[in-house]
Amino acid sequence: MNETTRTKTTSRTQEQSSVNNEVSKVALISISAFGAIIGTWSLIALISAMVQSGGPLQLIGNWFKAVAGL
């Protein structure tokens, strides 16, 4: 009688790689969303400053005055 024994070897490399990919995706999405929020906030602040100053040229003039200490 000739008996053949089969063993099944499973590998966790695929699972580890999949988890790493998911973590990378979440990190990339989080960083991108945070960057978009900061960009939106800065654009709103710039528009608000232009409205407060009276326009883009007045904003630049007021900025130079503030930096120069006039």
N, C-alpha and C. Protein backbone atom coordinates (compact mmCIF):
# COMPACT_ATOMS: atom_id res chain seq x y z
N MET A 1 0.83 -1.17 0.00
CA MET A 1 0.00 0.00 0.00
C MET A 1 0.88 1.25 0.00
N ASN A 2 0.56 2.09 -0.92
CA ASN A 2 1.31 3.31 -1.03
C ASN A 2 0.40 4.48 -0.65
N GLU A 3 0.73 5.13 0.43
CA GLU A 3 -0.10 6.24 0.91
C GLU A 3 0.61 7.55 0.61
N THR A 4 -0.15 8.44 0.08
CA THR A 4 0.38 9.76 -0.21
C THR A 4 -0.23 10.75 0.77
N THR A 5 0.61 11.49 1.39
CA THR A 5 0.14 12.48 2.35
C THR A 5 0.25 13.86 1.72
N ARG A 6 -0.83 14.54 1.73
CA ARG A 6 -0.83 15.90 1.21
C ARG A 6 -0.95 16.88 2.37
N THR A 7 -0.14 17.86 2.30
CA THR A 7 -0.25 18.92 3.31
C THR A 7 -0.52 20.23 2.59
N LYS A 8 -1.35 20.99 3.18
CA LYS A 8 -1.69 22.27 2.59
C LYS A 8 -0.99 23.36 3.40
N THR A 9 -0.21 24.13 2.71
CA THR A 9 0.51 25.21 3.36
C THR A 9 -0.15 26.52 2.95
N THR A 10 -0.53 27.26 3.95
CA THR A 10 -1.14 28.55 3.67
C THR A 10 -0.13 29.65 3.98
N SER A 11 -0.28 30.72 3.29
CA SER A 11 0.66 31.82 3.46
C SER A 11 -0.10 33.06 3.90
N ARG A 12 0.43 33.76 4.84
CA ARG A 12 -0.19 34.99 5.33
C ARG A 12 0.37 36.22 4.63
N THR A 13 1.21 36.03 3.67
CA THR A 13 1.79 37.16 2.97
C THR A 13 0.73 37.97 2.25
N GLN A 14 -0.23 37.30 1.64
CA GLN A 14 -1.30 37.98 0.93
C GLN A 14 -2.13 38.82 1.90
N GLU A 15 -2.47 38.28 3.06
CA GLU A 15 -3.25 39.02 4.03
C GLU A 15 -2.48 40.23 4.53
N GLN A 16 -1.21 40.05 4.83
CA GLN A 16 -0.39 41.15 5.33
C GLN A 16 -0.28 42.24 4.27
N SER A 17 -0.09 41.84 3.04
CA SER A 17 0.01 42.81 1.95
C SER A 17 -1.30 43.55 1.77
N SER A 18 -2.41 42.85 1.88
CA SER A 18 -3.71 43.47 1.73
C SER A 18 -3.96 44.49 2.85
N VAL A 19 -3.60 44.14 4.06
CA VAL A 19 -3.78 45.06 5.20
C VAL A 19 -2.91 46.29 4.99
N ASN A 20 -1.67 46.09 4.57
CA ASN A 20 -0.78 47.23 4.33
C ASN A 20 -1.33 48.15 3.24
N ASN A 21 -1.90 47.56 2.20
CA ASN A 21 -2.49 48.36 1.14
C ASN A 21 -3.66 49.18 1.64
N GLU A 22 -4.50 48.58 2.46
CA GLU A 22 -5.66 49.30 2.99
C GLU A 22 -5.23 50.42 3.92
N VAL A 23 -4.23 50.18 4.74
CA VAL A 23 -3.73 51.22 5.64
C VAL A 23 -3.15 52.37 4.81
N SER A 24 -2.43 52.04 3.75
CA SER A 24 -1.85 53.07 2.89
C SER A 24 -2.95 53.89 2.21
N LYS A 25 -4.01 53.23 1.77
CA LYS A 25 -5.12 53.94 1.14
C LYS A 25 -5.78 54.90 2.12
N VAL A 26 -6.01 54.44 3.34
CA VAL A 26 -6.65 55.29 4.35
C VAL A 26 -5.76 56.48 4.67
N ALA A 27 -4.47 56.24 4.80
CA ALA A 27 -3.54 57.33 5.10
C ALA A 27 -3.51 58.34 3.96
N LEU A 28 -3.48 57.88 2.73
CA LEU A 28 -3.45 58.77 1.58
C LEU A 28 -4.72 59.60 1.50
N ILE A 29 -5.86 58.98 1.72
CA ILE A 29 -7.14 59.70 1.68
C ILE A 29 -7.21 60.72 2.81
N SER A 30 -6.74 60.36 4.00
CA SER A 30 -6.76 61.28 5.13
C SER A 30 -5.88 62.49 4.88
N ILE A 31 -4.68 62.27 4.39
CA ILE A 31 -3.76 63.37 4.12
C ILE A 31 -4.31 64.26 3.01
N SER A 32 -4.87 63.65 1.98
CA SER A 32 -5.45 64.44 0.88
C SER A 32 -6.64 65.28 1.36
N ALA A 33 -7.48 64.69 2.18
CA ALA A 33 -8.64 65.43 2.70
C ALA A 33 -8.19 66.58 3.58
N PHE A 34 -7.18 66.34 4.42
CA PHE A 34 -6.68 67.40 5.28
C PHE A 34 -6.07 68.53 4.46
N GLY A 35 -5.35 68.19 3.40
CA GLY A 35 -4.78 69.19 2.51
C GLY A 35 -5.86 70.01 1.81
N ALA A 36 -6.93 69.34 1.40
CA ALA A 36 -8.05 70.04 0.76
C ALA A 36 -8.73 71.00 1.73
N ILE A 37 -8.88 70.57 2.97
CA ILE A 37 -9.50 71.43 3.99
C ILE A 37 -8.63 72.67 4.23
N ILE A 38 -7.32 72.49 4.34
CA ILE A 38 -6.42 73.62 4.56
C ILE A 38 -6.43 74.56 3.35
N GLY A 39 -6.43 73.99 2.14
CA GLY A 39 -6.48 74.81 0.94
C GLY A 39 -7.75 75.63 0.86
N THR A 40 -8.87 75.02 1.18
CA THR A 40 -10.15 75.72 1.18
C THR A 40 -10.16 76.84 2.21
N TRP A 41 -9.64 76.55 3.39
CA TRP A 41 -9.59 77.56 4.45
C TRP A 41 -8.71 78.74 4.03
N SER A 42 -7.56 78.47 3.42
CA SER A 42 -6.68 79.57 3.02
C SER A 42 -7.31 80.41 1.91
N LEU A 43 -8.02 79.79 0.98
CA LEU A 43 -8.70 80.53 -0.07
C LEU A 43 -9.81 81.41 0.50
N ILE A 44 -10.56 80.89 1.45
CA ILE A 44 -11.61 81.68 2.10
C ILE A 44 -10.99 82.84 2.87
N ALA A 45 -9.86 82.61 3.54
CA ALA A 45 -9.20 83.69 4.28
C ALA A 45 -8.70 84.78 3.34
N LEU A 46 -8.14 84.38 2.19
CA LEU A 46 -7.65 85.36 1.23
C LEU A 46 -8.79 86.19 0.64
N ILE A 47 -9.89 85.55 0.31
CA ILE A 47 -11.05 86.27 -0.21
C ILE A 47 -11.61 87.21 0.85
N SER A 48 -11.67 86.76 2.07
CA SER A 48 -12.16 87.60 3.17
C SER A 48 -11.25 88.82 3.35
N ALA A 49 -9.95 88.62 3.26
CA ALA A 49 -9.00 89.74 3.40
C ALA A 49 -9.19 90.74 2.27
N MET A 50 -9.42 90.25 1.05
CA MET A 50 -9.64 91.16 -0.07
C MET A 50 -10.92 91.96 0.12
N VAL A 51 -11.95 91.34 0.62
CA VAL A 51 -13.22 92.03 0.86
C VAL A 51 -13.03 93.09 1.95
N GLN A 52 -12.32 92.74 3.02
CA GLN A 52 -12.09 93.68 4.13
C GLN A 52 -11.24 94.86 3.68
N SER A 53 -10.27 94.61 2.78
CA SER A 53 -9.36 95.67 2.34
C SER A 53 -9.97 96.55 1.26
N GLY A 54 -10.88 96.03 0.51
CA GLY A 54 -11.50 96.81 -0.55
C GLY A 54 -11.07 96.36 -1.93
N GLY A 55 -10.35 95.28 -2.04
CA GLY A 55 -9.94 94.77 -3.34
C GLY A 55 -8.52 94.22 -3.30
N PRO A 56 -8.11 93.59 -4.38
CA PRO A 56 -6.79 92.95 -4.36
C PRO A 56 -5.63 93.94 -4.29
N LEU A 57 -5.74 95.08 -4.96
CA LEU A 57 -4.65 96.06 -4.92
C LEU A 57 -4.51 96.68 -3.53
N GLN A 58 -5.62 96.98 -2.90
CA GLN A 58 -5.59 97.51 -1.55
C GLN A 58 -5.05 96.47 -0.56
N LEU A 59 -5.35 95.21 -0.81
CA LEU A 59 -4.83 94.14 0.04
C LEU A 59 -3.31 94.09 -0.05
N ILE A 60 -2.79 94.17 -1.26
CA ILE A 60 -1.33 94.15 -1.43
C ILE A 60 -0.70 95.37 -0.76
N GLY A 61 -1.32 96.53 -0.94
CA GLY A 61 -0.80 97.75 -0.30
C GLY A 61 -0.82 97.64 1.22
N ASN A 62 -1.92 97.14 1.76
CA ASN A 62 -2.02 96.97 3.22
C ASN A 62 -1.02 95.92 3.72
N TRP A 63 -0.78 94.90 2.93
CA TRP A 63 0.21 93.88 3.33
C TRP A 63 1.60 94.48 3.41
N PHE A 64 1.98 95.29 2.40
CA PHE A 64 3.29 95.94 2.44
C PHE A 64 3.41 96.89 3.62
N LYS A 65 2.33 97.61 3.92
CA LYS A 65 2.34 98.51 5.07
C LYS A 65 2.51 97.72 6.38
N ALA A 66 1.85 96.60 6.49
CA ALA A 66 1.95 95.79 7.70
C ALA A 66 3.36 95.19 7.85
N VAL A 67 3.94 94.73 6.75
CA VAL A 67 5.26 94.12 6.81
C VAL A 67 6.33 95.18 7.10
N ALA A 68 6.17 96.36 6.47
CA ALA A 68 7.14 97.44 6.67
C ALA A 68 6.96 98.14 8.02
N GLY A 69 5.83 97.96 8.62
CA GLY A 69 5.57 98.60 9.92
C GLY A 69 5.13 100.05 9.80
N LEU A 70 4.52 100.37 8.69
CA LEU A 70 4.06 101.75 8.48
C LEU A 70 2.70 102.00 9.05
